[in-house]
């Protein structure tokens, strides 16, 4: 599972989501997380300034797909189940 997290420095929601994703990645062993700092590109900033954290995934063909925003209240196990349901892997 290849995940992409659009984030920016100092975003507490982003940091919380990343912590949970890192635990899932460590436990599963088949999860990669690419962090994209929206402050480094104008197009990312324009698209996601008020939306972060934004989570996307890459399929087997390397195409990127959106994932609905997970609730920040989800615990690690709940988030993993939510991801599996949202992505199907």
N, C-alpha and C. Protein backbone atom coordinates (compact mmCIF):
# COMPACT_ATOMS: atom_id res chain seq x y z
N UNK A 1 0.85 -1.17 0.00
CA UNK A 1 0.00 0.00 0.00
C UNK A 1 0.90 1.23 0.00
N UNK A 2 0.84 2.01 -1.07
CA UNK A 2 1.62 3.24 -1.19
C UNK A 2 0.72 4.42 -0.88
N UNK A 3 1.01 5.11 0.23
CA UNK A 3 0.21 6.25 0.66
C UNK A 3 0.97 7.54 0.43
N UNK A 4 0.23 8.59 0.15
CA UNK A 4 0.79 9.93 -0.03
C UNK A 4 0.04 10.84 0.93
N UNK A 5 0.78 11.54 1.77
CA UNK A 5 0.18 12.45 2.75
C UNK A 5 0.59 13.88 2.41
N UNK A 6 -0.38 14.69 2.05
CA UNK A 6 -0.14 16.11 1.84
C UNK A 6 -0.27 16.79 3.20
N UNK A 7 0.76 17.54 3.56
CA UNK A 7 0.88 18.08 4.89
C UNK A 7 1.62 19.41 4.85
N UNK A 8 1.78 20.02 6.00
CA UNK A 8 2.67 21.17 6.11
C UNK A 8 3.21 21.22 7.53
N UNK A 9 4.35 21.83 7.73
CA UNK A 9 4.94 21.91 9.06
C UNK A 9 3.99 22.60 10.03
N UNK A 10 3.90 22.05 11.23
CA UNK A 10 3.09 22.65 12.27
C UNK A 10 1.62 22.26 12.25
N UNK A 11 1.23 21.40 11.34
CA UNK A 11 -0.16 20.94 11.25
C UNK A 11 -0.34 19.78 12.22
N UNK A 12 -1.06 20.01 13.30
CA UNK A 12 -1.22 18.98 14.32
C UNK A 12 -2.07 17.80 13.84
N UNK A 13 -3.07 18.08 13.01
CA UNK A 13 -3.86 16.98 12.44
C UNK A 13 -2.99 16.09 11.55
N UNK A 14 -2.12 16.74 10.77
CA UNK A 14 -1.21 16.00 9.89
C UNK A 14 -0.25 15.14 10.71
N UNK A 15 0.30 15.72 11.75
CA UNK A 15 1.25 14.99 12.60
C UNK A 15 0.58 13.79 13.27
N UNK A 16 -0.65 13.97 13.74
CA UNK A 16 -1.37 12.87 14.37
C UNK A 16 -1.65 11.75 13.40
N UNK A 17 -2.08 12.09 12.20
CA UNK A 17 -2.35 11.08 11.18
C UNK A 17 -1.06 10.36 10.79
N UNK A 18 0.01 11.10 10.61
CA UNK A 18 1.28 10.49 10.24
C UNK A 18 1.76 9.50 11.30
N UNK A 19 1.64 9.86 12.57
CA UNK A 19 2.05 8.94 13.64
C UNK A 19 1.30 7.62 13.54
N UNK A 20 0.00 7.68 13.33
CA UNK A 20 -0.81 6.46 13.21
C UNK A 20 -0.43 5.67 11.97
N UNK A 21 -0.20 6.37 10.86
CA UNK A 21 0.19 5.69 9.62
C UNK A 21 1.54 5.00 9.77
N UNK A 22 2.46 5.64 10.47
CA UNK A 22 3.78 5.04 10.67
C UNK A 22 3.70 3.75 11.49
N UNK A 23 2.81 3.73 12.48
CA UNK A 23 2.61 2.51 13.26
C UNK A 23 2.05 1.41 12.37
N UNK A 24 1.06 1.75 11.56
CA UNK A 24 0.49 0.77 10.64
C UNK A 24 1.56 0.26 9.68
N UNK A 25 2.37 1.16 9.15
CA UNK A 25 3.42 0.77 8.20
C UNK A 25 4.41 -0.17 8.87
N UNK A 26 4.77 0.10 10.09
CA UNK A 26 5.72 -0.76 10.82
C UNK A 26 5.12 -2.13 11.07
N UNK A 27 3.86 -2.17 11.47
CA UNK A 27 3.21 -3.44 11.79
C UNK A 27 2.98 -4.29 10.54
N UNK A 28 2.53 -3.65 9.47
CA UNK A 28 2.20 -4.41 8.25
C UNK A 28 3.43 -4.75 7.43
N UNK A 29 4.34 -3.83 7.32
CA UNK A 29 5.55 -4.06 6.54
C UNK A 29 5.37 -3.85 5.04
N UNK A 30 4.15 -3.63 4.58
CA UNK A 30 3.92 -3.44 3.15
C UNK A 30 3.32 -2.06 2.84
N UNK A 31 3.53 -1.12 3.75
CA UNK A 31 2.98 0.22 3.59
C UNK A 31 4.13 1.21 3.46
N UNK A 32 4.07 2.03 2.42
CA UNK A 32 5.02 3.13 2.29
C UNK A 32 4.25 4.43 2.41
N UNK A 33 4.90 5.43 2.96
CA UNK A 33 4.28 6.74 3.15
C UNK A 33 5.18 7.80 2.55
N UNK A 34 4.66 8.53 1.58
CA UNK A 34 5.37 9.67 1.01
C UNK A 34 4.72 10.92 1.56
N UNK A 35 5.52 11.78 2.16
CA UNK A 35 4.99 13.02 2.72
C UNK A 35 5.30 14.14 1.74
N UNK A 36 4.26 14.87 1.35
CA UNK A 36 4.42 16.00 0.45
C UNK A 36 4.07 17.28 1.20
N UNK A 37 5.08 18.09 1.40
CA UNK A 37 4.92 19.38 2.09
C UNK A 37 4.32 20.38 1.11
N UNK A 38 3.08 20.81 1.39
CA UNK A 38 2.39 21.69 0.44
C UNK A 38 3.03 23.06 0.33
N UNK A 39 3.89 23.41 1.28
CA UNK A 39 4.54 24.73 1.21
C UNK A 39 5.70 24.74 0.22
N UNK A 40 6.03 23.58 -0.36
CA UNK A 40 7.16 23.52 -1.28
C UNK A 40 6.75 23.69 -2.75
N UNK A 41 5.44 23.65 -3.01
CA UNK A 41 4.97 23.82 -4.39
C UNK A 41 3.68 24.64 -4.39
N UNK A 42 3.64 25.61 -5.26
CA UNK A 42 2.47 26.49 -5.34
C UNK A 42 1.20 25.74 -5.71
N UNK A 43 1.29 24.77 -6.62
CA UNK A 43 0.09 24.03 -7.02
C UNK A 43 -0.46 23.20 -5.88
N UNK A 44 0.41 22.57 -5.08
CA UNK A 44 -0.06 21.81 -3.92
C UNK A 44 -0.68 22.74 -2.90
N UNK A 45 -0.04 23.88 -2.67
CA UNK A 45 -0.55 24.83 -1.68
C UNK A 45 -1.92 25.34 -2.08
N UNK A 46 -2.07 25.69 -3.36
CA UNK A 46 -3.36 26.19 -3.85
C UNK A 46 -4.45 25.13 -3.73
N UNK A 47 -4.09 23.90 -3.98
CA UNK A 47 -5.08 22.82 -3.96
C UNK A 47 -5.45 22.38 -2.54
N UNK A 48 -4.49 22.41 -1.61
CA UNK A 48 -4.70 21.77 -0.32
C UNK A 48 -4.55 22.68 0.90
N UNK A 49 -4.40 23.99 0.68
CA UNK A 49 -4.16 24.91 1.79
C UNK A 49 -5.16 24.73 2.94
N UNK A 50 -6.42 24.57 2.62
CA UNK A 50 -7.46 24.48 3.64
C UNK A 50 -7.99 23.06 3.83
N UNK A 51 -7.34 22.09 3.21
CA UNK A 51 -7.84 20.72 3.22
C UNK A 51 -6.96 19.75 4.01
N UNK A 52 -5.73 20.10 4.31
CA UNK A 52 -4.80 19.15 4.92
C UNK A 52 -5.30 18.68 6.28
N UNK A 53 -4.98 17.47 6.65
CA UNK A 53 -4.20 16.50 5.90
C UNK A 53 -5.02 15.86 4.78
N UNK A 54 -4.37 15.66 3.65
CA UNK A 54 -4.99 14.99 2.51
C UNK A 54 -4.22 13.69 2.29
N UNK A 55 -4.97 12.61 2.19
CA UNK A 55 -4.37 11.30 2.02
C UNK A 55 -4.78 10.74 0.66
N UNK A 56 -3.80 10.26 -0.08
CA UNK A 56 -4.05 9.63 -1.38
C UNK A 56 -3.28 8.31 -1.40
N UNK A 57 -3.57 7.49 -2.40
CA UNK A 57 -2.82 6.24 -2.55
C UNK A 57 -2.50 6.00 -4.01
N UNK A 58 -1.46 5.19 -4.23
CA UNK A 58 -1.07 4.78 -5.58
C UNK A 58 -1.51 3.34 -5.78
N UNK A 59 -2.08 3.07 -6.96
CA UNK A 59 -2.46 1.69 -7.27
C UNK A 59 -1.27 0.98 -7.93
N UNK A 60 -1.49 -0.24 -8.36
CA UNK A 60 -0.42 -1.05 -8.96
C UNK A 60 0.14 -0.42 -10.22
N UNK A 61 -0.66 0.39 -10.91
CA UNK A 61 -0.22 1.07 -12.13
C UNK A 61 0.42 2.43 -11.84
N UNK A 62 0.61 2.74 -10.56
CA UNK A 62 1.22 4.00 -10.09
C UNK A 62 0.31 5.21 -10.28
N UNK A 63 -0.96 4.99 -10.56
CA UNK A 63 -1.92 6.10 -10.65
C UNK A 63 -2.33 6.49 -9.23
N UNK A 64 -2.49 7.79 -9.00
CA UNK A 64 -2.88 8.29 -7.68
C UNK A 64 -4.39 8.43 -7.59
N UNK A 65 -4.91 8.11 -6.39
CA UNK A 65 -6.34 8.19 -6.14
C UNK A 65 -6.59 8.86 -4.80
N UNK A 66 -7.68 9.59 -4.73
CA UNK A 66 -8.08 10.24 -3.49
C UNK A 66 -8.69 9.24 -2.52
N UNK A 67 -8.55 9.54 -1.25
CA UNK A 67 -9.18 8.80 -0.17
C UNK A 67 -9.95 9.83 0.65
N UNK A 68 -11.18 9.54 1.04
CA UNK A 68 -11.88 10.49 1.93
C UNK A 68 -11.06 10.74 3.19
N UNK A 69 -11.23 11.90 3.77
CA UNK A 69 -10.46 12.23 4.97
C UNK A 69 -10.90 11.35 6.14
N UNK A 70 -9.94 10.67 6.78
CA UNK A 70 -10.30 9.87 7.95
C UNK A 70 -10.55 10.77 9.16
N UNK A 71 -11.38 10.31 10.04
CA UNK A 71 -11.63 11.04 11.28
C UNK A 71 -10.37 11.05 12.13
N UNK A 72 -10.01 12.19 12.71
CA UNK A 72 -8.84 12.22 13.59
C UNK A 72 -9.07 11.42 14.87
N UNK A 73 -10.30 11.02 15.12
CA UNK A 73 -10.61 10.25 16.32
C UNK A 73 -10.34 8.75 16.16
N UNK A 74 -10.09 8.31 14.94
CA UNK A 74 -9.82 6.90 14.72
C UNK A 74 -8.51 6.50 15.38
N UNK A 75 -8.53 5.40 16.10
CA UNK A 75 -7.31 4.85 16.66
C UNK A 75 -6.54 4.12 15.57
N UNK A 76 -5.38 3.63 15.90
CA UNK A 76 -4.54 2.96 14.91
C UNK A 76 -5.20 1.78 14.23
N UNK A 77 -5.80 0.87 15.03
CA UNK A 77 -6.45 -0.31 14.46
C UNK A 77 -7.66 0.08 13.63
N UNK A 78 -8.41 1.06 14.12
CA UNK A 78 -9.58 1.54 13.38
C UNK A 78 -9.16 2.18 12.06
N UNK A 79 -8.07 2.94 12.10
CA UNK A 79 -7.57 3.58 10.89
C UNK A 79 -7.13 2.54 9.87
N UNK A 80 -6.47 1.50 10.33
CA UNK A 80 -6.03 0.45 9.41
C UNK A 80 -7.24 -0.22 8.74
N UNK A 81 -8.27 -0.53 9.51
CA UNK A 81 -9.49 -1.12 8.92
C UNK A 81 -10.14 -0.15 7.94
N UNK A 82 -10.18 1.11 8.30
CA UNK A 82 -10.75 2.14 7.44
C UNK A 82 -9.98 2.22 6.12
N UNK A 83 -8.65 2.18 6.20
CA UNK A 83 -7.81 2.22 5.00
C UNK A 83 -8.08 1.01 4.12
N UNK A 84 -8.14 -0.17 4.72
CA UNK A 84 -8.39 -1.39 3.95
C UNK A 84 -9.74 -1.29 3.24
N UNK A 85 -10.73 -0.76 3.91
CA UNK A 85 -12.05 -0.61 3.29
C UNK A 85 -12.02 0.44 2.19
N UNK A 86 -11.32 1.55 2.43
CA UNK A 86 -11.27 2.65 1.47
C UNK A 86 -10.46 2.31 0.23
N UNK A 87 -9.39 1.57 0.43
CA UNK A 87 -8.48 1.24 -0.68
C UNK A 87 -8.75 -0.15 -1.23
N UNK A 88 -9.16 -1.03 -0.36
CA UNK A 88 -9.42 -2.39 -0.80
C UNK A 88 -8.21 -3.29 -0.77
N UNK A 89 -7.24 -2.96 0.10
CA UNK A 89 -6.06 -3.84 0.20
C UNK A 89 -5.76 -4.17 1.64
